[in-house]
Amino acid sequence: METLLTKKAASLTELREPGKVLEYAGHTPVAILNRNAVVAYLVPAGAVNITHTKASTDDVLAAFDRRSKVLEPVLDYLKDK
């Protein structure tokens, strides 16, 4: 038996009326089933917290410098790979 990654599910037949499926979903993802097998997941826009941030190169380098002591062992490990 396949594990669902959501608490809500709908069939492909129900997806013929996507408005109803979205209403049922609220702001949570819905597993789309075909003959009791998951074929897709529908994720309403309200379920995704989209934040657009633009970081400059200077911001990225400053963040890297702040974390360099923590990242140093990882970077040393990765040099050998």
N, C-alpha and C. Protein backbone atom coordinates (compact mmCIF):
# COMPACT_ATOMS: atom_id res chain seq x y z
N MET A 1 0.84 -1.19 0.00
CA MET A 1 0.00 0.00 0.00
C MET A 1 0.88 1.24 0.00
N GLU A 2 0.51 2.18 -0.81
CA GLU A 2 1.28 3.41 -0.96
C GLU A 2 0.95 4.40 0.16
N THR A 3 1.96 5.09 0.65
CA THR A 3 1.76 6.07 1.71
C THR A 3 1.38 7.41 1.10
N LEU A 4 0.32 8.00 1.59
CA LEU A 4 -0.09 9.33 1.15
C LEU A 4 0.69 10.38 1.91
N LEU A 5 1.11 11.41 1.22
CA LEU A 5 1.85 12.49 1.85
C LEU A 5 0.93 13.65 2.25
N THR A 6 -0.37 13.44 2.12
CA THR A 6 -1.36 14.46 2.49
C THR A 6 -2.47 13.81 3.30
N LYS A 7 -3.29 14.66 3.90
CA LYS A 7 -4.44 14.16 4.65
C LYS A 7 -5.70 14.14 3.81
N LYS A 8 -5.64 14.76 2.62
CA LYS A 8 -6.81 14.82 1.75
C LYS A 8 -6.50 14.17 0.42
N ALA A 9 -7.52 13.56 -0.17
CA ALA A 9 -7.35 12.90 -1.47
C ALA A 9 -8.58 13.14 -2.32
N ALA A 10 -8.38 13.11 -3.63
CA ALA A 10 -9.48 13.24 -4.59
C ALA A 10 -9.16 12.34 -5.78
N SER A 11 -10.20 11.92 -6.48
CA SER A 11 -9.99 11.05 -7.64
C SER A 11 -9.83 11.90 -8.89
N LEU A 12 -9.34 11.25 -9.94
CA LEU A 12 -9.24 11.95 -11.23
C LEU A 12 -10.61 12.40 -11.71
N THR A 13 -11.63 11.60 -11.42
CA THR A 13 -13.00 11.97 -11.81
C THR A 13 -13.42 13.27 -11.12
N GLU A 14 -13.10 13.40 -9.85
CA GLU A 14 -13.44 14.62 -9.11
C GLU A 14 -12.67 15.82 -9.66
N LEU A 15 -11.52 15.57 -10.25
CA LEU A 15 -10.70 16.66 -10.79
C LEU A 15 -11.32 17.29 -12.04
N ARG A 16 -12.39 16.69 -12.56
CA ARG A 16 -13.11 17.29 -13.68
C ARG A 16 -13.70 18.63 -13.27
N GLU A 17 -13.95 18.78 -11.97
CA GLU A 17 -14.44 20.05 -11.42
C GLU A 17 -13.38 20.56 -10.44
N PRO A 18 -12.31 21.16 -10.98
CA PRO A 18 -11.18 21.55 -10.12
C PRO A 18 -11.56 22.57 -9.05
N GLY A 19 -12.55 23.39 -9.31
CA GLY A 19 -12.99 24.36 -8.31
C GLY A 19 -13.47 23.69 -7.03
N LYS A 20 -14.20 22.60 -7.19
CA LYS A 20 -14.68 21.87 -6.01
C LYS A 20 -13.52 21.23 -5.25
N VAL A 21 -12.55 20.69 -6.00
CA VAL A 21 -11.40 20.07 -5.35
C VAL A 21 -10.60 21.13 -4.58
N LEU A 22 -10.41 22.30 -5.19
CA LEU A 22 -9.69 23.38 -4.50
C LEU A 22 -10.45 23.87 -3.28
N GLU A 23 -11.76 23.94 -3.37
CA GLU A 23 -12.57 24.33 -2.22
C GLU A 23 -12.44 23.31 -1.10
N TYR A 24 -12.46 22.04 -1.46
CA TYR A 24 -12.29 20.96 -0.50
C TYR A 24 -10.90 21.02 0.14
N ALA A 25 -9.91 21.36 -0.67
CA ALA A 25 -8.53 21.38 -0.19
C ALA A 25 -8.28 22.51 0.79
N GLY A 26 -8.97 23.62 0.61
CA GLY A 26 -8.66 24.78 1.44
C GLY A 26 -7.26 25.24 1.09
N HIS A 27 -6.39 25.27 2.06
CA HIS A 27 -5.01 25.68 1.83
C HIS A 27 -4.05 24.52 2.11
N THR A 28 -4.47 23.30 1.76
CA THR A 28 -3.63 22.14 1.98
C THR A 28 -3.50 21.33 0.70
N PRO A 29 -2.42 20.60 0.53
CA PRO A 29 -2.25 19.77 -0.67
C PRO A 29 -3.26 18.61 -0.70
N VAL A 30 -3.55 18.14 -1.90
CA VAL A 30 -4.48 17.03 -2.10
C VAL A 30 -3.80 15.99 -2.99
N ALA A 31 -3.88 14.73 -2.58
CA ALA A 31 -3.38 13.64 -3.42
C ALA A 31 -4.43 13.32 -4.47
N ILE A 32 -4.00 13.21 -5.71
CA ILE A 32 -4.91 12.85 -6.80
C ILE A 32 -4.70 11.36 -7.07
N LEU A 33 -5.80 10.61 -6.98
CA LEU A 33 -5.74 9.15 -7.11
C LEU A 33 -6.39 8.69 -8.41
N ASN A 34 -5.81 7.64 -8.99
CA ASN A 34 -6.40 6.94 -10.12
C ASN A 34 -6.40 5.46 -9.75
N ARG A 35 -7.58 4.90 -9.57
CA ARG A 35 -7.73 3.51 -9.14
C ARG A 35 -6.93 3.23 -7.86
N ASN A 36 -7.09 4.14 -6.92
CA ASN A 36 -6.48 4.05 -5.59
C ASN A 36 -4.95 4.12 -5.59
N ALA A 37 -4.37 4.62 -6.65
CA ALA A 37 -2.93 4.82 -6.71
C ALA A 37 -2.67 6.32 -6.92
N VAL A 38 -1.72 6.85 -6.20
CA VAL A 38 -1.40 8.28 -6.32
C VAL A 38 -0.76 8.53 -7.67
N VAL A 39 -1.32 9.48 -8.41
CA VAL A 39 -0.76 9.87 -9.71
C VAL A 39 -0.22 11.29 -9.68
N ALA A 40 -0.65 12.08 -8.69
CA ALA A 40 -0.20 13.47 -8.61
C ALA A 40 -0.58 14.06 -7.27
N TYR A 41 -0.02 15.20 -7.00
CA TYR A 41 -0.41 16.00 -5.84
C TYR A 41 -0.78 17.38 -6.35
N LEU A 42 -1.89 17.87 -5.87
CA LEU A 42 -2.36 19.21 -6.21
C LEU A 42 -2.06 20.11 -5.01
N VAL A 43 -1.26 21.13 -5.24
CA VAL A 43 -0.89 22.04 -4.16
C VAL A 43 -1.46 23.42 -4.48
N PRO A 44 -2.51 23.83 -3.76
CA PRO A 44 -3.09 25.15 -3.99
C PRO A 44 -2.08 26.25 -3.68
N ALA A 45 -2.21 27.36 -4.36
CA ALA A 45 -1.28 28.47 -4.15
C ALA A 45 -1.25 28.92 -2.70
N GLY A 46 -2.39 28.83 -2.02
CA GLY A 46 -2.44 29.24 -0.62
C GLY A 46 -1.64 28.35 0.31
N ALA A 47 -1.27 27.16 -0.16
CA ALA A 47 -0.50 26.23 0.67
C ALA A 47 1.00 26.52 0.61
N VAL A 48 1.39 27.35 -0.32
CA VAL A 48 2.81 27.64 -0.51
C VAL A 48 3.08 29.07 -0.07
N ASN A 49 4.04 29.20 0.82
CA ASN A 49 4.45 30.53 1.26
C ASN A 49 5.58 30.98 0.36
N ILE A 50 5.23 31.79 -0.62
CA ILE A 50 6.22 32.25 -1.58
C ILE A 50 6.76 33.60 -1.13
N THR A 51 8.05 33.63 -0.94
CA THR A 51 8.70 34.90 -0.62
C THR A 51 9.82 35.09 -1.62
N HIS A 52 9.80 36.21 -2.24
CA HIS A 52 10.83 36.54 -3.21
C HIS A 52 11.82 37.49 -2.55
N THR A 53 13.03 37.02 -2.42
CA THR A 53 14.07 37.87 -1.88
C THR A 53 15.20 37.91 -2.88
N LYS A 54 15.74 39.05 -3.04
CA LYS A 54 16.88 39.19 -3.94
C LYS A 54 18.08 39.56 -3.08
N ALA A 55 19.06 38.72 -3.13
CA ALA A 55 20.28 38.97 -2.37
C ALA A 55 21.38 39.33 -3.35
N SER A 56 22.13 40.34 -2.97
CA SER A 56 23.27 40.72 -3.80
C SER A 56 24.43 39.79 -3.51
N THR A 57 25.42 39.85 -4.33
CA THR A 57 26.62 39.04 -4.12
C THR A 57 27.26 39.39 -2.79
N ASP A 58 27.25 40.67 -2.46
CA ASP A 58 27.83 41.11 -1.18
C ASP A 58 27.07 40.49 0.00
N ASP A 59 25.75 40.40 -0.10
CA ASP A 59 24.95 39.79 0.97
C ASP A 59 25.30 38.32 1.15
N VAL A 60 25.47 37.62 0.03
CA VAL A 60 25.80 36.20 0.09
C VAL A 60 27.18 36.00 0.69
N LEU A 61 28.15 36.80 0.27
CA LEU A 61 29.50 36.68 0.81
C LEU A 61 29.55 37.02 2.29
N ALA A 62 28.77 38.02 2.71
CA ALA A 62 28.72 38.38 4.12
C ALA A 62 28.11 37.25 4.95
N ALA A 63 27.07 36.63 4.44
CA ALA A 63 26.45 35.50 5.15
C ALA A 63 27.43 34.33 5.23
N PHE A 64 28.16 34.10 4.16
CA PHE A 64 29.15 33.02 4.15
C PHE A 64 30.24 33.30 5.18
N ASP A 65 30.70 34.53 5.25
CA ASP A 65 31.73 34.90 6.23
C ASP A 65 31.23 34.69 7.65
N ARG A 66 29.98 35.03 7.92
CA ARG A 66 29.42 34.86 9.26
C ARG A 66 29.36 33.38 9.65
N ARG A 67 29.14 32.49 8.68
CA ARG A 67 28.98 31.06 8.95
C ARG A 67 30.24 30.25 8.67
N SER A 68 31.33 30.91 8.33
CA SER A 68 32.52 30.19 7.87
C SER A 68 33.08 29.22 8.91
N LYS A 69 33.05 29.56 10.20
CA LYS A 69 33.59 28.66 11.21
C LYS A 69 32.75 27.39 11.31
N VAL A 70 31.44 27.50 11.15
CA VAL A 70 30.57 26.33 11.19
C VAL A 70 30.72 25.51 9.92
N LEU A 71 30.88 26.18 8.80
CA LEU A 71 30.96 25.50 7.51
C LEU A 71 32.34 24.91 7.20
N GLU A 72 33.37 25.38 7.89
CA GLU A 72 34.73 24.96 7.57
C GLU A 72 34.94 23.45 7.58
N PRO A 73 34.47 22.72 8.60
CA PRO A 73 34.66 21.26 8.57
C PRO A 73 33.95 20.59 7.38
N VAL A 74 32.80 21.11 7.03
CA VAL A 74 32.06 20.54 5.89
C VAL A 74 32.81 20.80 4.59
N LEU A 75 33.30 22.01 4.45
CA LEU A 75 34.04 22.35 3.23
C LEU A 75 35.33 21.55 3.12
N ASP A 76 36.01 21.34 4.25
CA ASP A 76 37.21 20.52 4.25
C ASP A 76 36.90 19.08 3.84
N TYR A 77 35.80 18.56 4.34
CA TYR A 77 35.38 17.22 3.98
C TYR A 77 35.09 17.12 2.49
N LEU A 78 34.41 18.13 1.94
CA LEU A 78 34.02 18.09 0.55
C LEU A 78 35.20 18.26 -0.41
N LYS A 79 36.29 18.85 0.07
CA LYS A 79 37.47 19.03 -0.80
C LYS A 79 38.02 17.68 -1.24
N ASP A 80 37.89 16.67 -0.39
CA ASP A 80 38.41 15.35 -0.71
C ASP A 80 37.51 14.56 -1.65
N LYS A 81 36.33 15.00 -1.87
CA LYS A 81 35.36 14.24 -2.67
C LYS A 81 35.43 14.58 -4.13
